[in-house]
Protein backbone atom coordinates (compact mmCIF):
# COMPACT_ATOMS: atom_id res chain seq x y z
CA MET A 1 11.09 9.59 16.57
CA GLU A 2 10.85 8.24 12.87
CA CYS A 3 12.06 10.34 9.48
CA ILE A 4 10.00 8.34 7.14
CA SER A 5 9.81 9.89 3.15
CA ILE A 6 6.93 10.19 0.76
CA PHE A 7 9.34 7.98 -1.45
CA ASP A 8 8.55 5.27 1.79
CA MET A 9 5.04 5.84 1.97
CA LEU A 10 4.21 5.54 -2.00
CA LYS A 11 6.35 2.16 -2.77
CA ILE A 12 5.98 0.49 -6.52
CA GLY A 13 5.43 -2.97 -6.32
CA VAL A 14 3.14 -6.21 -7.56
CA GLY A 15 0.08 -6.97 -5.75
CA PRO A 16 -2.10 -8.21 -4.44
CA SER A 17 -0.98 -6.93 -0.49
CA SER A 18 1.96 -4.94 0.84
CA SER A 19 2.46 -6.83 3.86
CA HIS A 20 1.45 -10.41 2.94
CA THR A 21 3.18 -9.85 -1.10
CA LEU A 22 5.56 -6.43 -1.02
CA GLY A 23 6.99 -6.99 2.72
CA PRO A 24 7.58 -10.95 2.55
CA TRP A 25 9.32 -10.53 -1.28
CA ARG A 26 11.37 -7.23 -0.09
CA ALA A 27 12.47 -9.77 3.33
CA ALA A 28 13.44 -12.30 1.02
CA GLU A 29 15.72 -9.78 -0.92
CA ARG A 30 17.24 -8.76 2.76
CA TRP A 31 18.10 -12.12 3.70
CA LEU A 32 19.73 -13.51 0.90
CA ALA A 33 21.88 -9.38 1.10
CA GLU A 34 22.94 -10.95 4.18
CA LEU A 35 23.81 -13.80 3.94
CA LYS A 36 26.08 -12.51 0.86
CA LYS A 37 27.00 -10.11 3.21
CA GLN A 38 28.62 -12.75 5.72
CA ASN A 39 30.11 -14.39 2.90
CA ILE A 40 28.01 -17.94 3.19
CA PHE A 41 25.40 -17.61 0.32
CA ASN A 42 27.36 -20.25 -1.78
CA ASP A 43 27.42 -22.58 1.38
CA ILE A 44 23.24 -23.13 1.22
CA THR A 45 22.23 -26.70 0.38
CA LYS A 46 18.52 -26.21 1.35
CA ILE A 47 16.28 -23.22 2.62
CA THR A 48 13.07 -23.84 4.73
CA VAL A 49 10.83 -20.62 5.40
CA HIS A 50 8.12 -20.04 7.97
CA MET A 51 5.34 -18.06 7.87
CA TYR A 52 3.41 -17.13 11.20
CA GLY A 53 0.05 -15.09 12.69
CA SER A 54 -1.34 -13.69 9.74
CA LEU A 55 0.79 -14.32 6.75
CA SER A 56 -0.15 -17.96 7.45
CA LEU A 57 -3.35 -18.02 7.64
CA THR A 58 -4.62 -15.36 4.78
CA GLY A 59 -0.71 -16.31 3.01
CA LYS A 60 -2.20 -17.92 0.17
CA GLY A 61 -4.82 -16.20 -0.41
CA HIS A 62 -2.34 -12.94 -0.58
CA ALA A 63 0.05 -14.81 -2.90
CA THR A 64 3.01 -14.81 0.12
CA ASP A 65 3.86 -17.94 -1.53
CA TYR A 66 4.63 -16.23 -4.71
CA ALA A 67 5.98 -13.57 -2.95
CA VAL A 68 8.76 -15.67 -0.95
CA MET A 69 9.59 -17.99 -4.38
CA LEU A 70 10.08 -14.63 -6.54
CA GLY A 71 12.33 -13.08 -3.34
CA LEU A 72 14.54 -16.02 -3.46
CA SER A 73 14.87 -16.21 -6.81
CA GLY A 74 16.22 -12.43 -7.23
CA ALA A 75 13.20 -10.65 -8.89
CA ASP A 76 12.87 -7.53 -8.17
CA PRO A 77 8.93 -6.23 -7.76
CA GLU A 78 9.20 -2.95 -9.10
CA TYR A 79 10.73 -3.74 -12.70
CA ILE A 80 10.14 -7.73 -12.88
CA PRO A 81 7.12 -8.06 -16.04
CA VAL A 82 4.26 -8.97 -14.60
CA THR A 83 3.23 -11.61 -17.41
CA GLU A 84 6.64 -13.80 -16.23
CA ILE A 85 5.48 -13.86 -12.67
CA HIS A 86 3.08 -16.59 -13.07
CA PRO A 87 5.56 -18.92 -15.25
CA LEU A 88 8.36 -18.38 -12.83
CA VAL A 89 6.82 -20.07 -9.87
CA GLN A 90 4.70 -22.55 -11.84
CA LYS A 91 8.55 -23.40 -12.99
CA ILE A 92 9.29 -24.00 -9.30
CA LYS A 93 6.34 -25.87 -8.70
CA GLU A 94 7.15 -28.30 -11.25
CA THR A 95 10.74 -28.77 -11.11
CA HIS A 96 11.24 -28.27 -7.62
CA MET A 97 14.06 -26.08 -8.05
CA LEU A 98 14.58 -22.62 -7.35
CA CYS A 99 17.59 -20.55 -8.78
CA LEU A 100 18.47 -18.49 -5.16
CA GLY A 101 19.26 -14.88 -6.18
CA ASN A 102 19.16 -16.02 -10.08
CA GLU A 103 22.63 -16.97 -9.13
CA LYS A 104 22.52 -20.36 -7.13
CA GLU A 105 20.14 -23.77 -8.06
CA ILE A 106 18.92 -25.26 -5.16
CA SER A 107 15.96 -27.61 -4.66
CA PHE A 108 12.85 -26.13 -3.17
CA ASP A 109 9.38 -28.13 -2.87
CA PRO A 110 6.58 -25.36 -1.53
CA GLU A 111 4.70 -28.16 -0.37
CA THR A 112 7.30 -29.03 2.14
CA ASP A 113 9.68 -26.18 2.24
CA MET A 114 7.46 -23.51 3.22
CA VAL A 115 5.56 -24.37 6.46
CA TYR A 116 2.05 -22.52 7.75
CA ASN A 117 2.14 -21.52 10.98
CA LYS A 118 -0.95 -20.22 12.62
CA LYS A 119 0.80 -19.01 16.12
CA PHE A 120 1.21 -15.69 16.25
CA LEU A 121 5.26 -14.53 16.90
CA PRO A 122 5.14 -11.53 19.93
CA PHE A 123 6.63 -8.46 17.94
CA HIS A 124 3.97 -8.41 14.88
CA ALA A 125 1.48 -10.13 13.41
CA ASN A 126 3.19 -10.57 10.36
CA GLY A 127 6.30 -13.03 11.32
CA LEU A 128 8.26 -14.93 8.71
CA LYS A 129 11.30 -16.83 9.33
CA PHE A 130 13.53 -18.19 6.67
CA GLU A 131 16.07 -21.02 7.75
CA ALA A 132 19.16 -22.11 5.40
CA LEU A 133 20.78 -25.55 5.77
CA LEU A 134 24.61 -25.14 4.86
CA SER A 135 27.37 -27.60 3.29
CA ASN A 136 29.22 -27.81 6.97
CA GLY A 137 25.75 -28.83 8.13
CA LYS A 138 25.31 -26.08 10.54
CA LYS A 139 22.27 -23.76 9.70
CA LYS A 140 21.39 -20.25 9.55
CA SER A 141 18.02 -18.35 10.33
CA GLU A 142 16.42 -14.67 10.26
CA THR A 143 13.19 -13.51 11.62
CA TYR A 144 11.51 -10.47 9.83
CA TYR A 145 8.35 -8.95 10.32
CA SER A 146 5.97 -7.52 7.99
CA ILE A 147 4.85 -4.52 9.74
CA GLY A 148 2.86 -2.99 6.66
CA GLY A 149 3.02 -0.92 3.54
CA GLY A 150 5.75 -3.06 2.41
CA PHE A 151 7.88 -1.92 5.48
CA VAL A 152 9.89 -4.89 6.98
CA VAL A 153 11.77 -4.83 9.87
CA VAL A 154 13.91 -7.87 12.04
CA GLU A 155 13.15 -7.08 15.95
CA GLU A 156 12.43 -4.02 17.78
CA ARG A 157 15.81 -2.98 18.95
CA LYS A 158 17.31 -3.06 15.75
CA ARG A 159 14.19 -1.04 14.23
CA ALA A 160 14.68 1.60 17.20
CA LYS A 161 18.82 2.20 16.49
CA HIS A 162 17.75 2.36 12.66
CA LYS A 163 14.78 5.22 13.19
CA ALA A 164 17.36 6.78 15.91
CA ALA A 165 19.89 7.36 13.33
CA ALA A 166 17.76 8.05 10.21
CA PHE A 167 15.88 10.38 12.02
CA LYS A 168 18.54 12.99 12.30
CA THR A 169 18.18 13.77 8.42
CA PHE A 170 15.11 15.36 8.11
CA PRO A 171 15.40 19.69 9.15
CA PHE A 172 12.21 19.49 10.10
CA PRO A 173 11.77 16.15 12.05
CA VAL A 174 7.60 15.48 12.41
CA GLN A 175 5.96 13.14 14.82
CA LYS A 176 2.33 14.12 14.96
CA GLY A 177 0.40 16.46 13.28
CA THR A 178 0.39 19.40 16.10
CA GLU A 179 4.49 19.23 15.22
CA LEU A 180 3.87 19.85 11.45
CA LEU A 181 1.49 22.31 12.22
CA GLN A 182 4.19 24.18 13.88
CA PHE A 183 7.15 24.02 11.48
CA CYS A 184 4.58 25.24 8.57
CA ALA A 185 3.66 28.71 10.79
CA GLN A 186 7.37 28.82 11.42
CA GLU A 187 8.48 28.59 8.26
CA ASN A 188 5.45 30.05 6.64
CA LYS A 189 5.29 27.41 4.29
CA SER A 190 2.44 25.30 2.90
CA ILE A 191 2.77 21.35 3.91
CA SER A 192 3.74 20.03 0.66
CA GLU A 193 6.61 22.85 0.47
CA LEU A 194 7.43 21.91 4.32
CA VAL A 195 7.72 18.21 3.33
CA LEU A 196 9.57 18.56 -0.20
CA GLU A 197 12.31 20.74 2.18
CA ASN A 198 12.54 17.00 4.19
CA GLU A 199 12.99 15.12 1.07
CA ARG A 200 15.22 17.46 -0.04
CA SER A 201 17.92 16.46 2.49
CA LEU A 202 17.56 13.21 0.87
CA ARG A 203 17.59 14.35 -2.63
CA THR A 204 18.06 16.71 -5.42
CA ASP A 205 15.37 18.34 -7.10
CA ALA A 206 15.78 16.13 -10.17
CA GLN A 207 15.62 12.95 -8.06
CA ILE A 208 12.35 13.65 -6.10
CA ASP A 209 10.75 14.70 -9.59
CA ALA A 210 11.23 12.19 -10.85
CA GLU A 211 10.58 8.93 -8.70
CA ILE A 212 7.26 11.46 -8.07
CA GLN A 213 6.52 11.02 -12.26
CA ARG A 214 7.34 7.03 -11.67
CA ILE A 215 5.08 7.06 -8.96
CA TRP A 216 1.96 8.62 -10.99
CA SER A 217 3.00 6.88 -14.13
CA THR A 218 2.16 3.68 -12.53
CA MET A 219 -0.75 4.90 -10.84
CA LEU A 220 -2.03 6.04 -14.45
CA GLU A 221 -0.89 3.05 -16.08
CA CYS A 222 -2.56 1.06 -13.65
CA MET A 223 -5.79 2.69 -13.92
CA TYR A 224 -5.27 2.60 -17.71
CA THR A 225 -5.11 -1.55 -17.35
CA GLY A 226 -8.00 -1.80 -15.05
CA CYS A 227 -10.39 0.17 -17.28
CA HIS A 228 -9.03 -1.81 -20.06
CA THR A 229 -9.93 -5.66 -19.07
CA GLU A 230 -12.65 -7.50 -18.54
CA GLY A 231 -12.72 -10.91 -17.50
CA LYS A 232 -12.97 -12.30 -13.78
CA LEU A 233 -10.35 -12.37 -11.05
CA PRO A 234 -7.94 -15.27 -10.19
CA GLY A 235 -8.13 -16.80 -6.82
CA GLY A 236 -11.24 -18.92 -7.26
CA LEU A 237 -14.04 -16.61 -6.13
CA ASN A 238 -15.17 -15.52 -9.59
CA VAL A 239 -15.31 -12.11 -8.92
CA LYS A 240 -16.40 -10.24 -12.34
CA ARG A 241 -13.89 -7.08 -12.90
CA ARG A 242 -16.50 -4.01 -13.04
CA ALA A 243 -14.21 -1.35 -14.39
CA PHE A 244 -14.32 -2.30 -17.61
CA GLU A 245 -17.77 -2.14 -18.46
CA MET A 246 -17.86 0.95 -16.10
CA HIS A 247 -15.24 3.21 -18.08
CA GLN A 248 -16.81 1.76 -21.57
CA ASN A 249 -20.34 3.44 -20.06
CA LEU A 250 -18.70 6.48 -19.14
CA MET A 251 -16.02 7.04 -21.96
CA GLY A 252 -18.45 6.56 -24.98
CA SER A 253 -16.65 7.00 -28.03
CA VAL A 254 -13.56 9.51 -27.44
CA PRO A 255 -10.61 8.57 -29.44
CA TYR A 256 -7.36 7.65 -27.58
CA THR A 257 -4.12 5.22 -27.59
CA THR A 258 -2.24 5.65 -24.89
CA PRO A 259 -2.69 6.35 -20.95
CA GLU A 260 -1.78 10.23 -21.06
CA GLU A 261 -4.23 10.74 -24.14
CA TRP A 262 -6.67 8.78 -21.86
CA LEU A 263 -6.44 11.19 -19.70
CA LEU A 264 -7.12 13.90 -22.18
CA SER A 265 -10.05 12.10 -23.38
CA ILE A 266 -11.50 12.08 -20.01
CA ARG A 267 -11.48 15.72 -19.34
CA GLN A 268 -13.79 15.90 -22.47
CA THR A 269 -16.61 14.48 -21.80
CA GLU A 270 -19.48 15.95 -20.22
CA VAL A 271 -19.80 15.09 -16.54
CA LYS A 272 -22.96 15.30 -13.82
CA PHE A 273 -22.83 14.98 -10.05
CA ARG A 274 -23.59 11.07 -10.82
CA GLN A 275 -21.57 10.34 -13.40
CA ILE A 276 -18.36 12.11 -10.80
CA LEU A 277 -19.31 9.53 -8.57
CA LYS A 278 -19.10 6.78 -10.73
CA TRP A 279 -15.71 8.35 -12.65
CA VAL A 280 -14.27 8.07 -8.95
CA SER A 281 -16.05 4.56 -8.39
CA CYS A 282 -14.54 3.26 -11.41
CA PHE A 283 -11.10 4.41 -10.94
CA ALA A 284 -10.46 3.16 -7.65
CA LEU A 285 -11.84 -0.76 -8.59
CA SER A 286 -9.38 -0.48 -11.88
CA VAL A 287 -6.59 -0.33 -9.87
CA ASN A 288 -7.48 -2.78 -6.81
CA GLU A 289 -8.50 -5.25 -9.67
CA VAL A 290 -5.11 -5.04 -11.10
CA ASN A 291 -3.59 -5.43 -7.35
CA ALA A 292 -6.05 -8.53 -7.01
CA SER A 293 -4.42 -10.11 -10.06
CA LEU A 294 -1.08 -9.80 -9.37
CA GLY A 295 -0.53 -6.33 -11.45
CA ARG A 296 1.46 -3.39 -10.29
CA VAL A 297 0.56 -0.60 -8.23
CA VAL A 298 1.76 1.69 -5.95
CA THR A 299 1.20 1.38 -1.93
CA ALA A 300 -0.81 4.12 -1.01
CA PRO A 301 0.13 3.49 1.91
CA THR A 302 -0.71 0.10 1.42
CA ASN A 303 -1.55 -2.26 -1.77
CA GLY A 304 -5.07 -3.10 -0.35
CA SER A 305 -6.35 0.66 -0.06
CA ALA A 306 -3.91 1.39 -3.20
CA GLY A 307 -7.10 2.55 -5.45
CA VAL A 308 -8.24 5.56 -2.99
CA ILE A 309 -5.60 8.15 -3.60
CA PRO A 310 -5.12 7.49 -7.75
CA ALA A 311 -9.05 7.90 -7.96
CA VAL A 312 -8.60 11.19 -5.76
CA LEU A 313 -6.40 12.28 -7.95
CA MET A 314 -7.42 11.79 -11.22
CA TYR A 315 -10.95 13.38 -9.87
CA TYR A 316 -8.81 16.71 -9.15
CA MET A 317 -6.94 16.00 -12.66
CA VAL A 318 -10.52 15.58 -15.04
CA ILE A 319 -12.92 17.43 -12.74
CA GLU A 320 -11.37 20.07 -10.80
CA ASN A 321 -9.09 21.39 -12.72
CA HIS A 322 -8.45 20.40 -16.12
CA ALA A 323 -5.30 22.11 -16.41
CA GLY A 324 -3.81 20.30 -13.94
CA ASN A 325 -0.47 19.02 -14.32
CA PHE A 326 2.71 17.41 -12.91
CA GLU A 327 2.94 19.96 -10.06
CA HIS A 328 0.02 19.22 -8.85
CA VAL A 329 0.58 16.04 -9.03
CA LYS A 330 4.07 16.76 -6.46
CA GLN A 331 2.09 18.78 -4.68
CA PHE A 332 -1.00 15.96 -3.74
CA LEU A 333 1.80 13.27 -3.17
CA LEU A 334 4.00 15.01 -1.01
CA VAL A 335 0.99 16.12 1.17
CA ALA A 336 -0.43 12.41 1.40
CA GLY A 337 2.84 10.66 1.93
CA GLU A 338 3.16 13.26 5.21
CA ILE A 339 -0.11 12.73 6.29
CA GLY A 340 0.26 8.53 5.74
CA SER A 341 3.77 8.81 8.14
CA ILE A 342 1.77 10.87 10.61
CA PHE A 343 -0.60 7.73 11.36
CA LYS A 344 2.36 5.05 10.61
CA LYS A 345 4.51 6.75 13.22
CA GLY A 346 1.54 7.18 15.92
CA ALA A 347 -0.56 3.81 15.05
CA THR A 348 -0.23 1.37 12.49
CA ILE A 349 -0.95 1.15 8.60
CA SER A 350 -1.21 -3.11 8.72
CA ALA A 351 -4.36 -4.48 8.51
CA ALA A 352 -2.70 -7.37 10.44
CA MET A 353 -2.76 -4.86 13.46
CA GLY A 354 -4.97 -2.66 13.09
CA GLY A 355 -8.07 -3.94 10.56
CA CYS A 356 -9.14 -2.17 7.59
CA GLN A 357 -9.44 1.24 8.99
CA ALA A 358 -5.33 1.21 9.10
CA GLU A 359 -5.26 0.90 5.92
CA ILE A 360 -8.48 2.14 3.61
CA GLY A 361 -8.88 4.82 6.63
CA VAL A 362 -5.12 6.00 6.67
CA SER A 363 -5.34 6.36 2.49
CA SER A 364 -8.58 8.17 2.60
CA ALA A 365 -7.10 10.69 4.90
CA MET A 366 -4.45 10.64 2.94
CA ALA A 367 -6.42 11.70 0.25
CA ALA A 368 -8.36 14.10 1.63
CA GLY A 369 -5.65 16.08 3.48
CA ALA A 370 -3.50 16.36 -0.05
CA LEU A 371 -6.82 17.42 -1.78
CA THR A 372 -7.54 19.70 0.26
CA GLU A 373 -4.28 21.44 -0.37
CA LEU A 374 -4.89 21.56 -3.88
CA LEU A 375 -8.13 23.29 -3.37
CA GLY A 376 -6.62 26.34 -1.32
CA GLY A 377 -7.03 24.86 1.96
CA THR A 378 -4.67 25.96 4.62
CA PRO A 379 -2.09 23.40 6.45
CA GLU A 380 -5.18 23.72 9.46
CA GLN A 381 -7.63 22.92 7.12
CA VAL A 382 -5.49 19.79 5.54
CA LEU A 383 -5.34 18.40 9.05
CA MET A 384 -8.86 18.89 9.29
CA ALA A 385 -9.79 16.68 6.04
CA ALA A 386 -7.66 13.66 7.21
CA GLU A 387 -9.10 13.67 10.60
CA ILE A 388 -12.55 14.02 9.21
CA ALA A 389 -11.65 10.85 6.86
CA MET A 390 -10.39 8.74 9.67
CA GLU A 391 -12.72 9.87 11.84
CA HIS A 392 -15.35 8.17 9.69
CA HIS A 393 -13.38 4.78 9.03
CA LEU A 394 -12.75 3.93 12.82
CA GLY A 395 -13.36 0.27 13.65
CA LEU A 396 -13.54 -0.76 10.18
CA THR A 397 -12.16 -4.55 10.54
CA CYS A 398 -10.04 -6.79 7.83
CA ASP A 399 -12.23 -9.96 6.94
CA PRO A 400 -11.38 -11.12 3.09
CA ILE A 401 -13.84 -13.93 1.78
CA GLY A 402 -11.25 -16.60 1.18
CA GLY A 403 -8.00 -14.71 2.32
CA LEU A 404 -8.13 -12.55 -1.39
CA VAL A 405 -8.08 -9.40 -1.36
CA GLN A 406 -11.30 -8.96 -3.56
CA ILE A 407 -14.19 -8.62 -1.67
CA PRO A 408 -14.84 -6.58 0.26
CA CYS A 409 -11.43 -5.00 -0.61
CA ILE A 410 -11.85 -3.80 -4.08
CA GLU A 411 -15.04 -1.75 -3.47
CA ARG A 412 -14.09 -0.48 0.23
CA ASN A 413 -11.12 1.63 -1.94
CA SER A 414 -14.25 3.49 -4.38
CA MET A 415 -15.81 4.40 -0.81
CA GLY A 416 -12.97 5.82 1.40
CA ALA A 417 -12.21 7.65 -2.22
CA ILE A 418 -15.36 9.56 -1.93
CA LYS A 419 -15.15 9.68 1.73
CA ALA A 420 -11.67 11.62 1.04
CA ILE A 421 -13.74 14.11 -1.61
CA ASN A 422 -16.62 14.56 0.69
CA ALA A 423 -13.99 15.73 4.08
CA ALA A 424 -12.35 17.78 1.92
CA GLU A 425 -14.98 19.59 0.84
CA LEU A 426 -16.42 19.69 4.67
CA ALA A 427 -12.77 21.19 6.03
CA LEU A 428 -12.74 23.78 2.98
CA ASP A 429 -16.30 25.46 4.65
CA SER A 430 -15.06 24.94 8.07
CA ASP A 431 -13.03 26.73 10.82
CA PRO A 432 -10.14 24.18 12.15
CA ALA A 433 -10.23 26.76 15.22
CA GLU A 434 -13.66 25.26 16.21
CA ALA A 435 -13.09 21.67 15.20
CA LYS A 436 -13.10 19.38 18.23
CA VAL A 437 -11.34 16.52 17.45
CA PRO A 438 -7.47 17.39 16.16
CA LEU A 439 -5.75 14.49 13.83
CA ASP A 440 -3.43 13.45 16.49
CA LYS A 441 -6.38 12.77 18.96
CA VAL A 442 -8.14 10.33 15.88
CA VAL A 443 -4.19 8.77 15.33
CA GLN A 444 -4.29 7.47 18.65
CA THR A 445 -8.19 6.78 18.67
CA MET A 446 -7.11 4.72 15.76
CA TRP A 447 -4.67 2.72 17.76
CA GLU A 448 -6.41 2.13 20.35
CA THR A 449 -9.22 0.75 18.57
CA ALA A 450 -6.71 -1.11 17.19
CA LYS A 451 -5.25 -2.63 19.82
CA ASP A 452 -9.29 -3.38 21.36
CA MET A 453 -9.72 -5.21 17.84
CA ASN A 454 -10.66 -8.80 18.30
CA SER A 455 -8.01 -10.56 16.15
CA LYS A 456 -10.29 -12.21 14.21
CA TYR A 457 -11.25 -9.54 12.54
CA LYS A 458 -7.43 -8.05 11.74
CA GLU A 459 -6.36 -9.90 8.44
CA THR A 460 -6.96 -13.50 9.63
CA SER A 461 -10.27 -14.65 7.53
CA GLU A 462 -11.65 -16.21 10.80
CA GLY A 463 -14.45 -13.44 11.32
CA GLY A 464 -17.24 -11.07 9.88
CA LEU A 465 -17.42 -11.67 5.99
CA ALA A 466 -14.64 -14.07 5.72
CA VAL A 467 -16.71 -16.54 7.65
CA GLY A 468 -20.39 -14.97 7.06
CA VAL A 469 -20.16 -15.80 3.61
CA PHE A 470 -19.41 -19.07 2.30
CA LEU A 471 -16.95 -19.90 -0.58
CA SER A 472 -19.57 -21.95 -2.02
CA ASP A 473 -21.89 -18.94 -2.07
CA CYS A 474 -19.27 -16.98 -4.55
């Protein structure tokens, strides 16, 4: 059984993909740390990186090459100024030199030292092997798997050992929805209260609040940036940013200068039903346009689905409750993180393993459940909302055109957000005792559907829209 903190599910990083960008980035960092631990870092003379499966097929469109170079260079995805990303990568490409761990210069040519292999490794669709040539002529290599949401593992045996050790730290260990409900009833707590108790076994209240505030600030800044940036997205599809004009039309001339003032200004605008749909879509689009341009986002639970949760949270803050504050944000993210962890433990949050149902579907379920608790729903109604949201994403494929996290990925975030809000309302007006499909059953069904899905619909760009729409048409 697995111990997963909400801060494992909600990570700050750089777009466009948690599994293809953040994961390989973290894998490169881990590998360098291991080489230093073995006291052979200074003996490295050359490095070769092999990408397998989905990382090979859509890696360049997902900036896997950028992530590997940045990770090997010692840059941190949480803190590197995004304006420095392109210059740093361009310097490596032009000079064929890389400052390993920001400490040691070695030759590195991305054209020859990064090898793309369409072969799928047995453990996971996203395989990544780092190989170092040492000064004594020996080689040192390690294979990592980016399993979605920025999570990285070495191999199943080591992962299982880590899970067993980590799981002991939670006072209320939850693997399934039924266990979560049992603990809530036993302790007479809401889901957010129970999750907070688990988090307190890892961090102090001050640390928890500080990290949640950092996550929310990143989400808010991301939406603000997306709503105030016009132009086209990089990558060659010439996709026009839409959040900018949509936001301008919705805001009018209300004055503000910071993301926080912007939030207050939106609350002052007159909002009708049609505008609510546009606002939610605008928030979701803004995040994923930033994500598509290698901006800073929060995996929720992945980069490709990063827009759903902030969009639904903003819906609550600016539409449902104008007095919404940090405590509401905290409650929302605690619930969302827990629901996401249930899907990760019981199924997958990797599109390379489960298609887009594993990303947008899970994020919509997370947002639906979190919104339900904020609106006064019981723990049973929270899980019912999550189930409804996922039920209507089952079978959703991942077929990005050109291997880019743009079409249909960006729009899917707005659809996932709207479905989450609708699922919450349906759950709040329902009796969970009469529900025909429990959350655990839909998690199991999602995983069975994922295993049955043809690989060409799982982030390989070998089927669906990826081949049905020619790049020349874009």
